[in-house]
């Protein structure tokens, strides 16, 4: 059987199974044009390598082409049309360097100021007050967006300035305090006309009184960020995200403690616990985000000494009980 016929039968089998297979068909057709309509059992390793290693092929495209050819060849090997798999070793996926965006305090204020104009359109799912309040909540507590949208009325204790973050068994729930500025914002939100007349149990909700979802929030934040003119990340392809408010909270807390002369070695693990991390080594992710001027102090925590569980540290537990 020749290559062109093999591709046609393979694509037909895919489509009979309900698979569109448009992109796979295009990759196989491109391979056929590259090597010619030769018999399947005459395809050689060098021909496949030449097709894959075109100098204009990106890492992602290389992997997609590789997987398409490998599945095609295995299909015909199982049907005795090919004797061996003429594939080169798979390329190791490129190492992805991810850098969180740390918003400056000026940028945070700019985001909050821009909520009114960003949410002015009728198609916006939430009003400006809701978006502004939840941004203050994320920045003031360091919670994940998915945690914030799950909060109910019962979870927020304004009298004692506590909020309960409810998670799954793998991410245990926790109750955390919040500061006076966030208290004022949450109280004002609760006293707003729309909030008083809401029938949903969700603390944050859309204009139609339905619970707010993480997707709604991410979409609104993307529009807000562009409106506020925050688009650059120093040449990194990943634009600033809503989730970066969590890391901004951590870095700003560490910076404030450093300015007050606090013992960073004690405060960093406390911060990890507050944010819902299970072990001390997780604090290492903050070290690369903090200002260089106190990187040496933070390194004294030595998070590389293993994943010691924070509950096993008696001194730390005593310290946390005094917070």
C-alpha atoms as a PDB file:
ATOM      1  CA  UNK A   1       0.000   0.000   0.000  1.00  0.00           C
ATOM      2  CA  UNK A   2       1.250   3.451  -0.872  1.00  0.00           C
ATOM      3  CA  UNK A   3       1.308   6.449   1.428  1.00  0.00           C
ATOM      4  CA  UNK A   4      -1.509   8.440  -0.202  1.00  0.00           C
ATOM      5  CA  UNK A   5      -3.910   5.499  -0.076  1.00  0.00           C
ATOM      6  CA  UNK A   6      -2.880   4.777   3.490  1.00  0.00           C
ATOM      7  CA  UNK A   7      -3.640   8.346   4.519  1.00  0.00           C
ATOM      8  CA  UNK A   8      -7.059   8.276   2.822  1.00  0.00           C
ATOM      9  CA  UNK A   9      -8.074   5.050   4.570  1.00  0.00           C
ATOM     10  CA  UNK A  10      -6.703   6.253   7.910  1.00  0.00           C
ATOM     11  CA  UNK A  11      -8.600   9.557   7.699  1.00  0.00           C
ATOM     12  CA  UNK A  12     -11.773   7.726   6.654  1.00  0.00           C
ATOM     13  CA  UNK A  13     -11.480   5.471   9.697  1.00  0.00           C
ATOM     14  CA  UNK A  14     -11.096   8.510  11.941  1.00  0.00           C
ATOM     15  CA  UNK A  15     -14.133  10.254  10.482  1.00  0.00           C
ATOM     16  CA  UNK A  16     -16.254   7.104  10.704  1.00  0.00           C
ATOM     17  CA  UNK A  17     -15.439   7.160  14.411  1.00  0.00           C
ATOM     18  CA  UNK A  18     -16.844  10.691  14.622  1.00  0.00           C
ATOM     19  CA  UNK A  19     -13.482  12.484  14.663  1.00  0.00           C
ATOM     20  CA  UNK A  20     -13.124  15.568  12.451  1.00  0.00           C
ATOM     21  CA  UNK A  21      -9.364  15.045  12.088  1.00  0.00           C
ATOM     22  CA  UNK A  22      -8.893  18.107   9.887  1.00  0.00           C
ATOM     23  CA  UNK A  23      -5.532  19.140  11.339  1.00  0.00           C
ATOM     24  CA  UNK A  24      -4.228  15.557  11.401  1.00  0.00           C
ATOM     25  CA  UNK A  25      -5.201  15.120   7.762  1.00  0.00           C
ATOM     26  CA  UNK A  26      -3.351  18.307   6.827  1.00  0.00           C
ATOM     27  CA  UNK A  27      -0.175  17.154   8.615  1.00  0.00           C
ATOM     28  CA  UNK A  28      -0.231  13.744   6.935  1.00  0.00           C
ATOM     29  CA  UNK A  29      -0.903  15.307   3.528  1.00  0.00           C
ATOM     30  CA  UNK A  30       2.052  17.647   4.069  1.00  0.00           C
ATOM     31  CA  UNK A  31       4.250  14.655   4.887  1.00  0.00           C
ATOM     32  CA  UNK A  32       3.124  12.909   1.698  1.00  0.00           C
ATOM     33  CA  UNK A  33       3.997  15.962  -0.395  1.00  0.00           C
ATOM     34  CA  UNK A  34       7.386  16.091   1.322  1.00  0.00           C
ATOM     35  CA  UNK A  35       8.474  12.460   0.791  1.00  0.00           C
ATOM     36  CA  UNK A  36       6.300  11.513  -2.190  1.00  0.00           C
ATOM     37  CA  UNK A  37       3.679   8.810  -2.644  1.00  0.00           C
ATOM     38  CA  UNK A  38       5.976   5.931  -1.712  1.00  0.00           C
ATOM     39  CA  UNK A  39       5.018   2.508  -0.317  1.00  0.00           C
ATOM     40  CA  UNK A  40       4.384   2.536   3.423  1.00  0.00           C
ATOM     41  CA  UNK A  41       7.042  -0.084   4.111  1.00  0.00           C
ATOM     42  CA  UNK A  42       9.643   2.034   2.252  1.00  0.00           C
ATOM     43  CA  UNK A  43       9.355   5.041   4.599  1.00  0.00           C
ATOM     44  CA  UNK A  44      12.663   5.541   6.399  1.00  0.00           C
ATOM     45  CA  UNK A  45      13.826   7.210   9.566  1.00  0.00           C
ATOM     46  CA  UNK A  46      15.776   9.849   7.623  1.00  0.00           C
ATOM     47  CA  UNK A  47      12.692  10.926   5.665  1.00  0.00           C
ATOM     48  CA  UNK A  48      10.631  11.387   8.815  1.00  0.00           C
ATOM     49  CA  UNK A  49      13.484  13.267  10.485  1.00  0.00           C
ATOM     50  CA  UNK A  50      13.856  15.597   7.510  1.00  0.00           C
ATOM     51  CA  UNK A  51      10.137  16.366   7.585  1.00  0.00           C
ATOM     52  CA  UNK A  52      10.098  17.031  11.323  1.00  0.00           C
ATOM     53  CA  UNK A  53      13.296  19.042  11.553  1.00  0.00           C
ATOM     54  CA  UNK A  54      12.459  21.781   9.103  1.00  0.00           C
ATOM     55  CA  UNK A  55      14.162  24.965  10.324  1.00  0.00           C
ATOM     56  CA  UNK A  56      10.859  26.863  10.338  1.00  0.00           C
ATOM     57  CA  UNK A  57       9.156  24.321  12.621  1.00  0.00           C
ATOM     58  CA  UNK A  58       8.480  25.488  16.186  1.00  0.00           C
ATOM     59  CA  UNK A  59       8.720  23.152  19.164  1.00  0.00           C
ATOM     60  CA  UNK A  60       4.942  22.941  19.467  1.00  0.00           C
ATOM     61  CA  UNK A  61       4.461  22.180  15.777  1.00  0.00           C
ATOM     62  CA  UNK A  62       7.253  19.572  15.882  1.00  0.00           C
ATOM     63  CA  UNK A  63       5.474  17.725  18.692  1.00  0.00           C
ATOM     64  CA  UNK A  64       2.103  17.852  16.890  1.00  0.00           C
ATOM     65  CA  UNK A  65       3.608  16.548  13.644  1.00  0.00           C
ATOM     66  CA  UNK A  66       5.510  13.838  15.522  1.00  0.00           C
ATOM     67  CA  UNK A  67       2.377  12.584  17.289  1.00  0.00           C
ATOM     68  CA  UNK A  68       0.345  12.585  14.084  1.00  0.00           C
ATOM     69  CA  UNK A  69       2.924  10.500  12.211  1.00  0.00           C
ATOM     70  CA  UNK A  70       3.499   8.105  15.090  1.00  0.00           C
ATOM     71  CA  UNK A  71      -0.221   7.324  15.425  1.00  0.00           C
ATOM     72  CA  UNK A  72      -0.508   6.871  11.659  1.00  0.00           C
ATOM     73  CA  UNK A  73       2.442   4.467  11.489  1.00  0.00           C
ATOM     74  CA  UNK A  74       1.263   2.448  14.493  1.00  0.00           C
ATOM     75  CA  UNK A  75      -2.138   2.081  12.823  1.00  0.00           C
ATOM     76  CA  UNK A  76      -0.585   0.455   9.759  1.00  0.00           C
ATOM     77  CA  UNK A  77       1.971  -1.577  11.721  1.00  0.00           C
ATOM     78  CA  UNK A  78      -0.970  -3.197  13.529  1.00  0.00           C
ATOM     79  CA  UNK A  79      -2.379  -4.106  10.076  1.00  0.00           C
ATOM     80  CA  UNK A  80       0.906  -5.582   8.768  1.00  0.00           C
ATOM     81  CA  UNK A  81       1.459  -2.815   6.213  1.00  0.00           C
ATOM     82  CA  UNK A  82       4.676  -1.639   7.915  1.00  0.00           C
ATOM     83  CA  UNK A  83       7.373  -3.700   9.601  1.00  0.00           C
ATOM     84  CA  UNK A  84       8.844  -1.110  11.973  1.00  0.00           C
ATOM     85  CA  UNK A  85       8.279   2.365  13.339  1.00  0.00           C
ATOM     86  CA  UNK A  86      10.496   4.833  11.404  1.00  0.00           C
ATOM     87  CA  UNK A  87      10.404   7.531  14.075  1.00  0.00           C
ATOM     88  CA  UNK A  88      13.333   9.466  15.596  1.00  0.00           C
ATOM     89  CA  UNK A  89      13.511   9.870  19.386  1.00  0.00           C
ATOM     90  CA  UNK A  90      10.892  12.344  20.662  1.00  0.00           C
ATOM     91  CA  UNK A  91      12.094  15.861  21.253  1.00  0.00           C
ATOM     92  CA  UNK A  92      12.188  16.872  24.887  1.00  0.00           C
ATOM     93  CA  UNK A  93       9.523  19.529  25.521  1.00  0.00           C
ATOM     94  CA  UNK A  94      11.090  22.972  25.933  1.00  0.00           C
ATOM     95  CA  UNK A  95      11.508  24.153  29.475  1.00  0.00           C
ATOM     96  CA  UNK A  96       8.958  26.823  30.171  1.00  0.00           C
ATOM     97  CA  UNK A  97      10.133  29.732  32.253  1.00  0.00           C
ATOM     98  CA  UNK A  98       7.143  31.301  33.936  1.00  0.00           C
ATOM     99  CA  UNK A  99       7.472  34.624  35.696  1.00  0.00           C
ATOM    100  CA  UNK A 100       4.601  35.955  37.759  1.00  0.00           C
ATOM    101  CA  UNK A 101       3.756  39.606  37.265  1.00  0.00           C
ATOM    102  CA  UNK A 102       4.003  41.652  40.455  1.00  0.00           C
ATOM    103  CA  UNK A 103       1.736  44.666  40.250  1.00  0.00           C
ATOM    104  CA  UNK A 104       3.023  47.853  41.813  1.00  0.00           C
ATOM    105  CA  UNK A 105       0.826  49.658  44.318  1.00  0.00           C
ATOM    106  CA  UNK A 106       0.298  52.344  41.682  1.00  0.00           C
ATOM    107  CA  UNK A 107      -0.953  49.708  39.232  1.00  0.00           C
ATOM    108  CA  UNK A 108      -3.284  48.230  41.852  1.00  0.00           C
ATOM    109  CA  UNK A 109      -4.793  51.670  42.469  1.00  0.00           C
ATOM    110  CA  UNK A 110      -5.097  52.186  38.707  1.00  0.00           C
ATOM    111  CA  UNK A 111      -6.971  48.885  38.337  1.00  0.00           C
ATOM    112  CA  UNK A 112      -9.396  49.830  41.106  1.00  0.00           C
ATOM    113  CA  UNK A 113      -9.928  53.290  39.636  1.00  0.00           C
ATOM    114  CA  UNK A 114     -10.666  51.843  36.181  1.00  0.00           C
ATOM    115  CA  UNK A 115     -13.425  49.445  37.297  1.00  0.00           C
ATOM    116  CA  UNK A 116     -16.203  51.994  36.746  1.00  0.00           C
ATOM    117  CA  UNK A 117     -15.430  52.699  33.095  1.00  0.00           C
ATOM    118  CA  UNK A 118     -14.470  49.069  32.393  1.00  0.00           C
ATOM    119  CA  UNK A 119     -17.851  47.785  33.620  1.00  0.00           C
ATOM    120  CA  UNK A 120     -19.950  50.559  32.070  1.00  0.00           C
ATOM    121  CA  UNK A 121     -21.212  48.452  29.153  1.00  0.00           C
ATOM    122  CA  UNK A 122     -24.585  46.709  29.395  1.00  0.00           C
ATOM    123  CA  UNK A 123     -23.067  43.346  28.425  1.00  0.00           C
ATOM    124  CA  UNK A 124     -20.859  43.230  31.553  1.00  0.00           C
ATOM    125  CA  UNK A 125     -21.936  40.406  33.853  1.00  0.00           C
ATOM    126  CA  UNK A 126     -21.065  42.232  37.073  1.00  0.00           C
ATOM    127  CA  UNK A 127     -21.222  45.843  38.155  1.00  0.00           C
ATOM    128  CA  UNK A 128     -18.214  48.010  38.941  1.00  0.00           C
ATOM    129  CA  UNK A 129     -18.711  47.774  42.729  1.00  0.00           C
ATOM    130  CA  UNK A 130     -18.589  43.976  42.661  1.00  0.00           C
ATOM    131  CA  UNK A 131     -15.465  43.885  40.508  1.00  0.00           C
ATOM    132  CA  UNK A 132     -13.725  46.487  42.654  1.00  0.00           C
ATOM    133  CA  UNK A 133     -14.613  44.680  45.887  1.00  0.00           C
ATOM    134  CA  UNK A 134     -13.460  41.274  44.724  1.00  0.00           C
ATOM    135  CA  UNK A 135     -10.186  42.751  43.453  1.00  0.00           C
ATOM    136  CA  UNK A 136      -9.642  44.290  46.890  1.00  0.00           C
ATOM    137  CA  UNK A 137     -10.452  40.905  48.422  1.00  0.00           C
ATOM    138  CA  UNK A 138      -7.931  39.067  46.228  1.00  0.00           C
ATOM    139  CA  UNK A 139      -5.233  41.669  46.825  1.00  0.00           C
ATOM    140  CA  UNK A 140      -5.960  41.851  50.553  1.00  0.00           C
ATOM    141  CA  UNK A 141      -6.040  38.105  51.290  1.00  0.00           C
ATOM    142  CA  UNK A 142      -3.918  36.422  48.622  1.00  0.00           C
ATOM    143  CA  UNK A 143      -6.655  33.884  47.865  1.00  0.00           C
ATOM    144  CA  UNK A 144      -7.100  32.196  44.506  1.00  0.00           C
ATOM    145  CA  UNK A 145      -9.882  33.542  42.284  1.00  0.00           C
ATOM    146  CA  UNK A 146     -11.555  30.119  42.388  1.00  0.00           C
ATOM    147  CA  UNK A 147     -11.626  30.349  46.185  1.00  0.00           C
ATOM    148  CA  UNK A 148     -13.056  33.861  46.217  1.00  0.00           C
ATOM    149  CA  UNK A 149     -16.005  33.117  43.921  1.00  0.00           C
ATOM    150  CA  UNK A 150     -17.062  30.176  46.147  1.00  0.00           C
ATOM    151  CA  UNK A 151     -17.450  32.336  49.241  1.00  0.00           C
ATOM    152  CA  UNK A 152     -20.979  32.510  50.636  1.00  0.00           C
ATOM    153  CA  UNK A 153     -22.619  35.017  52.972  1.00  0.00           C
ATOM    154  CA  UNK A 154     -22.098  32.684  55.914  1.00  0.00           C
ATOM    155  CA  UNK A 155     -18.376  32.469  55.187  1.00  0.00           C
ATOM    156  CA  UNK A 156     -17.791  36.172  55.847  1.00  0.00           C
ATOM    157  CA  UNK A 157     -17.799  37.191  59.516  1.00  0.00           C
ATOM    158  CA  UNK A 158     -17.603  40.981  59.479  1.00  0.00           C
ATOM    159  CA  UNK A 159     -17.958  41.243  63.247  1.00  0.00           C
ATOM    160  CA  UNK A 160     -14.747  39.321  63.890  1.00  0.00           C
ATOM    161  CA  UNK A 161     -13.098  40.215  60.542  1.00  0.00           C
ATOM    162  CA  UNK A 162     -12.742  36.589  59.491  1.00  0.00           C
ATOM    163  CA  UNK A 163     -13.473  34.773  56.247  1.00  0.00           C
ATOM    164  CA  UNK A 164     -13.658  31.011  55.734  1.00  0.00           C
ATOM    165  CA  UNK A 165     -12.133  29.693  52.517  1.00  0.00           C
ATOM    166  CA  UNK A 166     -13.822  26.391  51.703  1.00  0.00           C
ATOM    167  CA  UNK A 167     -11.903  23.928  49.561  1.00  0.00           C
ATOM    168  CA  UNK A 168     -11.836  20.242  48.717  1.00  0.00           C
ATOM    169  CA  UNK A 169     -10.206  17.462  50.694  1.00  0.00           C
ATOM    170  CA  UNK A 170      -6.960  17.938  48.752  1.00  0.00           C
ATOM    171  CA  UNK A 171      -6.964  21.670  49.524  1.00  0.00           C
ATOM    172  CA  UNK A 172      -8.144  21.949  53.138  1.00  0.00           C
ATOM    173  CA  UNK A 173     -10.429  24.800  54.147  1.00  0.00           C
ATOM    174  CA  UNK A 174      -9.074  27.579  56.325  1.00  0.00           C
ATOM    175  CA  UNK A 175     -10.336  30.607  58.229  1.00  0.00           C
ATOM    176  CA  UNK A 176      -8.235  33.753  57.886  1.00  0.00           C
ATOM    177  CA  UNK A 177      -8.438  37.290  59.282  1.00  0.00           C
ATOM    178  CA  UNK A 178      -8.481  40.402  57.134  1.00  0.00           C
ATOM    179  CA  UNK A 179      -7.446  43.985  57.759  1.00  0.00           C
ATOM    180  CA  UNK A 180      -9.456  47.150  58.463  1.00  0.00           C
ATOM    181  CA  UNK A 181      -9.300  48.495  54.897  1.00  0.00           C
ATOM    182  CA  UNK A 182     -10.748  45.303  53.454  1.00  0.00           C
ATOM    183  CA  UNK A 183     -13.308  45.260  56.274  1.00  0.00           C
ATOM    184  CA  UNK A 184     -14.594  48.678  55.182  1.00  0.00           C
ATOM    185  CA  UNK A 185     -14.816  47.564  51.557  1.00  0.00           C
ATOM    186  CA  UNK A 186     -16.682  44.333  52.379  1.00  0.00           C
ATOM    187  CA  UNK A 187     -19.057  46.129  54.750  1.00  0.00           C
ATOM    188  CA  UNK A 188     -19.809  48.778  52.136  1.00  0.00           C
ATOM    189  CA  UNK A 189     -20.457  46.047  49.567  1.00  0.00           C
ATOM    190  CA  UNK A 190     -22.826  44.241  51.927  1.00  0.00           C
ATOM    191  CA  UNK A 191     -24.731  47.470  52.581  1.00  0.00           C
ATOM    192  CA  UNK A 192     -25.096  48.329  48.886  1.00  0.00           C
ATOM    193  CA  UNK A 193     -28.602  48.329  47.397  1.00  0.00           C
ATOM    194  CA  UNK A 194     -27.889  45.467  45.011  1.00  0.00           C
ATOM    195  CA  UNK A 195     -26.345  43.314  47.738  1.00  0.00           C
ATOM    196  CA  UNK A 196     -29.197  43.858  50.216  1.00  0.00           C
ATOM    197  CA  UNK A 197     -31.754  42.809  47.594  1.00  0.00           C
ATOM    198  CA  UNK A 198     -29.866  39.717  46.469  1.00  0.00           C
ATOM    199  CA  UNK A 199     -31.457  36.310  46.953  1.00  0.00           C
ATOM    200  CA  UNK A 200     -28.359  34.217  46.217  1.00  0.00           C
ATOM    201  CA  UNK A 201     -26.173  32.826  48.994  1.00  0.00           C
ATOM    202  CA  UNK A 202     -23.034  33.644  47.039  1.00  0.00           C
ATOM    203  CA  UNK A 203     -21.180  36.596  48.527  1.00  0.00           C
ATOM    204  CA  UNK A 204     -20.046  37.884  45.122  1.00  0.00           C
ATOM    205  CA  UNK A 205     -22.646  37.723  42.349  1.00  0.00           C
ATOM    206  CA  UNK A 206     -23.492  38.999  38.888  1.00  0.00           C
ATOM    207  CA  UNK A 207     -25.979  41.718  38.030  1.00  0.00           C
ATOM    208  CA  UNK A 208     -28.636  39.081  37.307  1.00  0.00           C
ATOM    209  CA  UNK A 209     -28.179  37.785  40.887  1.00  0.00           C
ATOM    210  CA  UNK A 210     -26.490  34.586  39.740  1.00  0.00           C
ATOM    211  CA  UNK A 211     -23.251  33.492  41.457  1.00  0.00           C
ATOM    212  CA  UNK A 212     -20.063  34.887  40.005  1.00  0.00           C
ATOM    213  CA  UNK A 213     -17.802  32.336  38.304  1.00  0.00           C
ATOM    214  CA  UNK A 214     -14.040  32.332  37.847  1.00  0.00           C
ATOM    215  CA  UNK A 215     -14.522  32.626  34.080  1.00  0.00           C
ATOM    216  CA  UNK A 216     -16.658  35.755  34.511  1.00  0.00           C
ATOM    217  CA  UNK A 217     -13.995  37.257  36.721  1.00  0.00           C
ATOM    218  CA  UNK A 218     -11.058  36.441  34.439  1.00  0.00           C
ATOM    219  CA  UNK A 219     -12.889  37.887  31.428  1.00  0.00           C
ATOM    220  CA  UNK A 220     -13.747  41.094  33.274  1.00  0.00           C
ATOM    221  CA  UNK A 221     -10.207  41.449  34.599  1.00  0.00           C
ATOM    222  CA  UNK A 222      -8.660  41.051  31.157  1.00  0.00           C
ATOM    223  CA  UNK A 223     -10.817  43.901  29.883  1.00  0.00           C
ATOM    224  CA  UNK A 224     -10.025  45.969  32.984  1.00  0.00           C
ATOM    225  CA  UNK A 225      -6.267  45.426  32.695  1.00  0.00           C
ATOM    226  CA  UNK A 226      -6.242  46.577  29.075  1.00  0.00           C
ATOM    227  CA  UNK A 227      -8.413  49.569  29.954  1.00  0.00           C
ATOM    228  CA  UNK A 228      -5.956  50.469  32.730  1.00  0.00           C
ATOM    229  CA  UNK A 229      -3.044  50.219  30.285  1.00  0.00           C
ATOM    230  CA  UNK A 230      -1.238  47.401  32.125  1.00  0.00           C
ATOM    231  CA  UNK A 231      -0.030  45.242  29.273  1.00  0.00           C
ATOM    232  CA  UNK A 232       3.749  44.904  29.526  1.00  0.00           C
ATOM    233  CA  UNK A 233       5.690  42.202  31.369  1.00  0.00           C
ATOM    234  CA  UNK A 234       9.265  43.125  30.471  1.00  0.00           C
ATOM    235  CA  UNK A 235       9.383  41.056  27.293  1.00  0.00           C
ATOM    236  CA  UNK A 236       7.744  37.912  28.736  1.00  0.00           C
ATOM    237  CA  UNK A 237       5.091  36.480  26.419  1.00  0.00           C
ATOM    238  CA  UNK A 238       2.607  35.772  29.226  1.00  0.00           C
ATOM    239  CA  UNK A 239       0.564  38.933  29.914  1.00  0.00           C
ATOM    240  CA  UNK A 240      -0.268  39.979  33.490  1.00  0.00           C
ATOM    241  CA  UNK A 241      -3.048  37.823  34.923  1.00  0.00           C
ATOM    242  CA  UNK A 242      -5.755  38.018  37.546  1.00  0.00           C
ATOM    243  CA  UNK A 243      -3.980  35.238  39.473  1.00  0.00           C
ATOM    244  CA  UNK A 244      -0.891  37.423  39.762  1.00  0.00           C
ATOM    245  CA  UNK A 245      -2.726  39.439  42.425  1.00  0.00           C
ATOM    246  CA  UNK A 246      -2.084  36.458  44.718  1.00  0.00           C
ATOM    247  CA  UNK A 247       1.689  36.705  44.263  1.00  0.00           C
ATOM    248  CA  UNK A 248       1.496  40.490  44.445  1.00  0.00           C
ATOM    249  CA  UNK A 249      -0.157  40.139  47.851  1.00  0.00           C
ATOM    250  CA  UNK A 250       2.695  37.906  49.050  1.00  0.00           C
ATOM    251  CA  UNK A 251       5.488  40.167  47.809  1.00  0.00           C
ATOM    252  CA  UNK A 252       3.846  43.335  49.137  1.00  0.00           C
ATOM    253  CA  UNK A 253       3.376  41.695  52.547  1.00  0.00           C
ATOM    254  CA  UNK A 254       7.017  40.661  52.695  1.00  0.00           C
ATOM    255  CA  UNK A 255       8.119  44.115  51.626  1.00  0.00           C
ATOM    256  CA  UNK A 256       5.987  45.786  54.304  1.00  0.00           C
ATOM    257  CA  UNK A 257       7.313  43.432  57.010  1.00  0.00           C
ATOM    258  CA  UNK A 258      10.869  44.097  55.925  1.00  0.00           C
ATOM    259  CA  UNK A 259      10.354  47.851  56.156  1.00  0.00           C
ATOM    260  CA  UNK A 260       9.003  47.442  59.686  1.00  0.00           C
ATOM    261  CA  UNK A 261      11.983  45.341  60.682  1.00  0.00           C
ATOM    262  CA  UNK A 262       9.952  42.142  61.204  1.00  0.00           C
ATOM    263  CA  UNK A 263      11.657  38.744  61.450  1.00  0.00           C
ATOM    264  CA  UNK A 264      11.208  37.480  57.897  1.00  0.00           C
ATOM    265  CA  UNK A 265      12.352  33.987  58.891  1.00  0.00           C
ATOM    266  CA  UNK A 266       9.254  33.709  61.079  1.00  0.00           C
ATOM    267  CA  UNK A 267       6.818  35.648  58.931  1.00  0.00           C
ATOM    268  CA  UNK A 268       7.434  33.830  55.641  1.00  0.00           C
ATOM    269  CA  UNK A 269       6.163  30.418  56.839  1.00  0.00           C
ATOM    270  CA  UNK A 270       3.243  32.181  58.523  1.00  0.00           C
ATOM    271  CA  UNK A 271       2.425  33.792  55.186  1.00  0.00           C
ATOM    272  CA  UNK A 272       2.522  30.382  53.496  1.00  0.00           C
ATOM    273  CA  UNK A 273       0.042  29.004  56.015  1.00  0.00           C
ATOM    274  CA  UNK A 274      -2.229  32.025  55.609  1.00  0.00           C
ATOM    275  CA  UNK A 275      -2.302  31.470  51.841  1.00  0.00           C
ATOM    276  CA  UNK A 276      -3.185  27.778  52.213  1.00  0.00           C
ATOM    277  CA  UNK A 277       0.140  26.096  51.484  1.00  0.00           C
ATOM    278  CA  UNK A 278       0.857  22.845  53.313  1.00  0.00           C
ATOM    279  CA  UNK A 279       4.614  22.838  53.785  1.00  0.00           C
ATOM    280  CA  UNK A 280       7.456  25.225  54.391  1.00  0.00           C
ATOM    281  CA  UNK A 281       9.225  24.517  51.110  1.00  0.00           C
ATOM    282  CA  UNK A 282       6.402  26.144  49.193  1.00  0.00           C
ATOM    283  CA  UNK A 283       7.653  29.484  50.470  1.00  0.00           C
ATOM    284  CA  UNK A 284      10.556  29.119  48.031  1.00  0.00           C
ATOM    285  CA  UNK A 285       8.315  30.341  45.215  1.00  0.00           C
ATOM    286  CA  UNK A 286       8.227  33.788  46.797  1.00  0.00           C
ATOM    287  CA  UNK A 287      12.006  34.141  46.989  1.00  0.00           C
ATOM    288  CA  UNK A 288      12.417  34.829  43.275  1.00  0.00           C
ATOM    289  CA  UNK A 289       9.657  37.434  43.385  1.00  0.00           C
ATOM    290  CA  UNK A 290      10.838  39.501  46.335  1.00  0.00           C
ATOM    291  CA  UNK A 291      13.078  42.580  46.114  1.00  0.00           C
ATOM    292  CA  UNK A 292      16.766  41.740  45.933  1.00  0.00           C
ATOM    293  CA  UNK A 293      17.557  43.923  48.960  1.00  0.00           C
ATOM    294  CA  UNK A 294      16.318  41.269  51.392  1.00  0.00           C
ATOM    295  CA  UNK A 295      16.823  38.092  49.345  1.00  0.00           C
ATOM    296  CA  UNK A 296      19.706  37.060  51.649  1.00  0.00           C
ATOM    297  CA  UNK A 297      17.465  37.307  54.694  1.00  0.00           C
ATOM    298  CA  UNK A 298      14.781  35.147  53.093  1.00  0.00           C
ATOM    299  CA  UNK A 299      17.288  32.509  52.025  1.00  0.00           C
ATOM    300  CA  UNK A 300      18.018  31.857  55.708  1.00  0.00           C
ATOM    301  CA  UNK A 301      14.703  30.012  55.796  1.00  0.00           C
ATOM    302  CA  UNK A 302      16.437  27.293  53.730  1.00  0.00           C
ATOM    303  CA  UNK A 303      13.337  25.848  52.018  1.00  0.00           C
ATOM    304  CA  UNK A 304      15.596  23.423  50.136  1.00  0.00           C
ATOM    305  CA  UNK A 305      15.995  21.309  53.255  1.00  0.00           C
ATOM    306  CA  UNK A 306      13.047  19.147  52.281  1.00  0.00           C
ATOM    307  CA  UNK A 307       9.258  19.292  52.333  1.00  0.00           C
ATOM    308  CA  UNK A 308       8.836  19.466  56.071  1.00  0.00           C
ATOM    309  CA  UNK A 309       5.160  19.817  56.980  1.00  0.00           C
ATOM    310  CA  UNK A 310       4.408  23.047  58.815  1.00  0.00           C
ATOM    311  CA  UNK A 311       2.271  21.285  61.440  1.00  0.00           C
ATOM    312  CA  UNK A 312       5.375  19.366  62.552  1.00  0.00           C
ATOM    313  CA  UNK A 313       7.179  22.560  63.538  1.00  0.00           C
ATOM    314  CA  UNK A 314       6.301  23.125  67.223  1.00  0.00           C
ATOM    315  CA  UNK A 315       7.896  26.569  67.395  1.00  0.00           C
ATOM    316  CA  UNK A 316       6.068  27.707  64.267  1.00  0.00           C
ATOM    317  CA  UNK A 317       2.740  26.419  65.545  1.00  0.00           C
ATOM    318  CA  UNK A 318       3.249  28.339  68.785  1.00  0.00           C
ATOM    319  CA  UNK A 319       4.050  31.468  66.807  1.00  0.00           C
ATOM    320  CA  UNK A 320       0.954  31.061  64.646  1.00  0.00           C
ATOM    321  CA  UNK A 321      -1.231  30.717  67.721  1.00  0.00           C
ATOM    322  CA  UNK A 322      -0.074  34.156  68.852  1.00  0.00           C
ATOM    323  CA  UNK A 323      -0.963  35.944  65.605  1.00  0.00           C
END
